[in-house]
């Protein structure tokens, strides 16, 4: 299952307006807005599923995050990605600046796409 998808855009404000209006009939709305990062999260039921990012000068081509069922799955993804041609873009661990229970890892695929796994830990004791 995909946890969220990030797409890179040239103009964050124009793209935000486009996606908000285009997805409004599907029930999507602005969930999270971070102008300081040129980043906006659009989704339903309080969960950002689509992130749009003004990617001028960004290193990555695209970003997709897969939902994991445990920290072990996040760890296993990261190890397997690095073993099979990926490069590290963030070791497994909590990302407290995202959310207190956000446990994730990141790897670039051979084409430069940022692939993430996320486990929303119900008991983030570290």
C-alpha atoms as a PDB file:
ATOM      1  CA  UNK A   1       0.000   0.000   0.000  1.00  0.00           C
ATOM      2  CA  UNK A   2       1.276   3.449  -0.816  1.00  0.00           C
ATOM      3  CA  UNK A   3       1.507   5.693   2.247  1.00  0.00           C
ATOM      4  CA  UNK A   4       2.006   8.909   0.284  1.00  0.00           C
ATOM      5  CA  UNK A   5       3.336  10.237  -3.001  1.00  0.00           C
ATOM      6  CA  UNK A   6       5.414  13.357  -3.604  1.00  0.00           C
ATOM      7  CA  UNK A   7       5.589  15.066  -6.963  1.00  0.00           C
ATOM      8  CA  UNK A   8       7.919  17.878  -7.909  1.00  0.00           C
ATOM      9  CA  UNK A   9       6.446  21.012  -9.420  1.00  0.00           C
ATOM     10  CA  UNK A  10       7.832  24.231 -10.875  1.00  0.00           C
ATOM     11  CA  UNK A  11       5.436  26.662  -9.178  1.00  0.00           C
ATOM     12  CA  UNK A  12       4.092  25.622  -5.780  1.00  0.00           C
ATOM     13  CA  UNK A  13       1.263  28.174  -5.647  1.00  0.00           C
ATOM     14  CA  UNK A  14      -0.084  27.439  -9.142  1.00  0.00           C
ATOM     15  CA  UNK A  15       0.251  23.713  -8.558  1.00  0.00           C
ATOM     16  CA  UNK A  16      -1.423  23.904  -5.165  1.00  0.00           C
ATOM     17  CA  UNK A  17      -4.392  25.719  -6.715  1.00  0.00           C
ATOM     18  CA  UNK A  18      -4.559  23.218  -9.589  1.00  0.00           C
ATOM     19  CA  UNK A  19      -4.498  20.105  -7.420  1.00  0.00           C
ATOM     20  CA  UNK A  20      -6.876  21.506  -4.807  1.00  0.00           C
ATOM     21  CA  UNK A  21      -9.449  22.421  -7.440  1.00  0.00           C
ATOM     22  CA  UNK A  22      -8.954  19.314  -9.587  1.00  0.00           C
ATOM     23  CA  UNK A  23      -9.201  16.950  -6.610  1.00  0.00           C
ATOM     24  CA  UNK A  24     -11.991  18.810  -4.779  1.00  0.00           C
ATOM     25  CA  UNK A  25     -14.693  16.642  -6.454  1.00  0.00           C
ATOM     26  CA  UNK A  26     -12.943  13.599  -4.949  1.00  0.00           C
ATOM     27  CA  UNK A  27     -13.064  15.086  -1.461  1.00  0.00           C
ATOM     28  CA  UNK A  28      -9.422  16.149  -1.253  1.00  0.00           C
ATOM     29  CA  UNK A  29      -8.392  19.296   0.611  1.00  0.00           C
ATOM     30  CA  UNK A  30      -5.294  21.088   1.846  1.00  0.00           C
ATOM     31  CA  UNK A  31      -4.125  19.195   4.937  1.00  0.00           C
ATOM     32  CA  UNK A  32      -0.665  20.622   5.499  1.00  0.00           C
ATOM     33  CA  UNK A  33       1.005  23.743   4.128  1.00  0.00           C
ATOM     34  CA  UNK A  34       4.710  24.514   4.633  1.00  0.00           C
ATOM     35  CA  UNK A  35       5.583  27.611   2.589  1.00  0.00           C
ATOM     36  CA  UNK A  36       9.008  27.745   4.245  1.00  0.00           C
ATOM     37  CA  UNK A  37       9.794  24.373   2.608  1.00  0.00           C
ATOM     38  CA  UNK A  38       7.760  25.042  -0.565  1.00  0.00           C
ATOM     39  CA  UNK A  39       5.714  21.963   0.326  1.00  0.00           C
ATOM     40  CA  UNK A  40       1.992  21.259   0.593  1.00  0.00           C
ATOM     41  CA  UNK A  41       0.084  18.121   1.601  1.00  0.00           C
ATOM     42  CA  UNK A  42      -3.284  17.331   0.040  1.00  0.00           C
ATOM     43  CA  UNK A  43      -5.540  14.508   1.154  1.00  0.00           C
ATOM     44  CA  UNK A  44      -8.680  13.291   2.870  1.00  0.00           C
ATOM     45  CA  UNK A  45      -9.714  12.661   6.445  1.00  0.00           C
ATOM     46  CA  UNK A  46      -6.797  14.633   7.865  1.00  0.00           C
ATOM     47  CA  UNK A  47      -4.121  12.538   6.079  1.00  0.00           C
ATOM     48  CA  UNK A  48      -1.872  14.022   3.390  1.00  0.00           C
ATOM     49  CA  UNK A  49      -1.643  11.469   0.594  1.00  0.00           C
ATOM     50  CA  UNK A  50      -0.247  13.722  -2.125  1.00  0.00           C
ATOM     51  CA  UNK A  51       2.624  16.078  -1.395  1.00  0.00           C
ATOM     52  CA  UNK A  52       3.599  18.719  -3.917  1.00  0.00           C
ATOM     53  CA  UNK A  53       7.077  20.175  -3.653  1.00  0.00           C
ATOM     54  CA  UNK A  54       8.712  23.052  -5.511  1.00  0.00           C
ATOM     55  CA  UNK A  55      11.734  21.066  -6.563  1.00  0.00           C
ATOM     56  CA  UNK A  56      13.997  23.646  -8.126  1.00  0.00           C
ATOM     57  CA  UNK A  57      17.481  22.233  -7.685  1.00  0.00           C
ATOM     58  CA  UNK A  58      16.261  19.035  -6.009  1.00  0.00           C
ATOM     59  CA  UNK A  59      18.433  15.953  -6.394  1.00  0.00           C
ATOM     60  CA  UNK A  60      15.650  13.404  -6.647  1.00  0.00           C
ATOM     61  CA  UNK A  61      13.394  12.657  -9.586  1.00  0.00           C
ATOM     62  CA  UNK A  62      10.308  11.532  -7.634  1.00  0.00           C
ATOM     63  CA  UNK A  63       9.241  10.223  -4.264  1.00  0.00           C
ATOM     64  CA  UNK A  64       6.928   7.447  -3.139  1.00  0.00           C
ATOM     65  CA  UNK A  65       6.415   6.137   0.386  1.00  0.00           C
ATOM     66  CA  UNK A  66       5.159   2.646   1.144  1.00  0.00           C
ATOM     67  CA  UNK A  67       3.281   1.841   4.336  1.00  0.00           C
ATOM     68  CA  UNK A  68       5.006  -0.725   6.554  1.00  0.00           C
ATOM     69  CA  UNK A  69       3.370  -2.806   9.264  1.00  0.00           C
ATOM     70  CA  UNK A  70       6.338  -2.723  11.654  1.00  0.00           C
ATOM     71  CA  UNK A  71       9.742  -1.183  12.323  1.00  0.00           C
ATOM     72  CA  UNK A  72      11.245  -4.507  11.202  1.00  0.00           C
ATOM     73  CA  UNK A  73       9.670  -4.076   7.758  1.00  0.00           C
ATOM     74  CA  UNK A  74      11.143  -0.575   7.512  1.00  0.00           C
ATOM     75  CA  UNK A  75      14.556  -1.932   8.517  1.00  0.00           C
ATOM     76  CA  UNK A  76      14.254  -4.855   6.083  1.00  0.00           C
ATOM     77  CA  UNK A  77      13.341  -2.587   3.175  1.00  0.00           C
ATOM     78  CA  UNK A  78      16.338  -0.361   3.815  1.00  0.00           C
ATOM     79  CA  UNK A  79      18.781  -3.281   4.002  1.00  0.00           C
ATOM     80  CA  UNK A  80      17.355  -4.915   0.865  1.00  0.00           C
ATOM     81  CA  UNK A  81      17.361  -1.637  -1.081  1.00  0.00           C
ATOM     82  CA  UNK A  82      21.037  -1.041  -0.329  1.00  0.00           C
ATOM     83  CA  UNK A  83      21.921  -4.649  -1.173  1.00  0.00           C
ATOM     84  CA  UNK A  84      20.188  -4.495  -4.537  1.00  0.00           C
ATOM     85  CA  UNK A  85      21.527  -1.307  -6.104  1.00  0.00           C
ATOM     86  CA  UNK A  86      19.939   1.449  -4.048  1.00  0.00           C
ATOM     87  CA  UNK A  87      21.853   4.142  -2.196  1.00  0.00           C
ATOM     88  CA  UNK A  88      21.180   5.378   1.305  1.00  0.00           C
ATOM     89  CA  UNK A  89      19.059   8.491   1.741  1.00  0.00           C
ATOM     90  CA  UNK A  90      18.173   8.041   5.416  1.00  0.00           C
ATOM     91  CA  UNK A  91      18.727   5.102   7.741  1.00  0.00           C
ATOM     92  CA  UNK A  92      15.783   3.590   9.627  1.00  0.00           C
ATOM     93  CA  UNK A  93      14.700   5.674  12.585  1.00  0.00           C
ATOM     94  CA  UNK A  94      12.139   8.043  14.035  1.00  0.00           C
ATOM     95  CA  UNK A  95      11.540  11.299  12.210  1.00  0.00           C
ATOM     96  CA  UNK A  96      10.195  13.344  15.125  1.00  0.00           C
ATOM     97  CA  UNK A  97      10.117  16.490  12.958  1.00  0.00           C
ATOM     98  CA  UNK A  98       7.501  14.723  10.770  1.00  0.00           C
ATOM     99  CA  UNK A  99       5.414  13.238  13.622  1.00  0.00           C
ATOM    100  CA  UNK A 100       6.267  11.751  17.029  1.00  0.00           C
ATOM    101  CA  UNK A 101       5.513   8.193  15.855  1.00  0.00           C
ATOM    102  CA  UNK A 102       6.929   8.441  12.301  1.00  0.00           C
ATOM    103  CA  UNK A 103       9.474   5.623  11.841  1.00  0.00           C
ATOM    104  CA  UNK A 104      10.933   5.550   8.336  1.00  0.00           C
ATOM    105  CA  UNK A 105      13.853   4.818   6.062  1.00  0.00           C
ATOM    106  CA  UNK A 106      14.819   6.228   2.678  1.00  0.00           C
ATOM    107  CA  UNK A 107      16.811   4.950  -0.300  1.00  0.00           C
ATOM    108  CA  UNK A 108      17.412   6.284  -3.779  1.00  0.00           C
ATOM    109  CA  UNK A 109      16.604   3.726  -6.478  1.00  0.00           C
ATOM    110  CA  UNK A 110      19.087   3.316  -9.365  1.00  0.00           C
ATOM    111  CA  UNK A 111      17.318   6.137 -11.264  1.00  0.00           C
ATOM    112  CA  UNK A 112      17.479   8.605  -8.377  1.00  0.00           C
ATOM    113  CA  UNK A 113      13.894   8.315  -7.135  1.00  0.00           C
ATOM    114  CA  UNK A 114      13.528   8.643  -3.365  1.00  0.00           C
ATOM    115  CA  UNK A 115      11.793   5.514  -2.040  1.00  0.00           C
ATOM    116  CA  UNK A 116      10.579   5.555   1.567  1.00  0.00           C
ATOM    117  CA  UNK A 117       8.968   3.104   3.954  1.00  0.00           C
ATOM    118  CA  UNK A 118       6.904   4.413   6.861  1.00  0.00           C
ATOM    119  CA  UNK A 119       5.607   2.779  10.020  1.00  0.00           C
ATOM    120  CA  UNK A 120       3.333   4.906  12.191  1.00  0.00           C
ATOM    121  CA  UNK A 121       4.359   3.440  15.542  1.00  0.00           C
ATOM    122  CA  UNK A 122       1.454   3.325  18.016  1.00  0.00           C
ATOM    123  CA  UNK A 123       3.949   3.238  20.907  1.00  0.00           C
ATOM    124  CA  UNK A 124       7.037   5.267  19.938  1.00  0.00           C
ATOM    125  CA  UNK A 125       9.318   4.507  22.880  1.00  0.00           C
ATOM    126  CA  UNK A 126      12.912   5.188  21.965  1.00  0.00           C
END
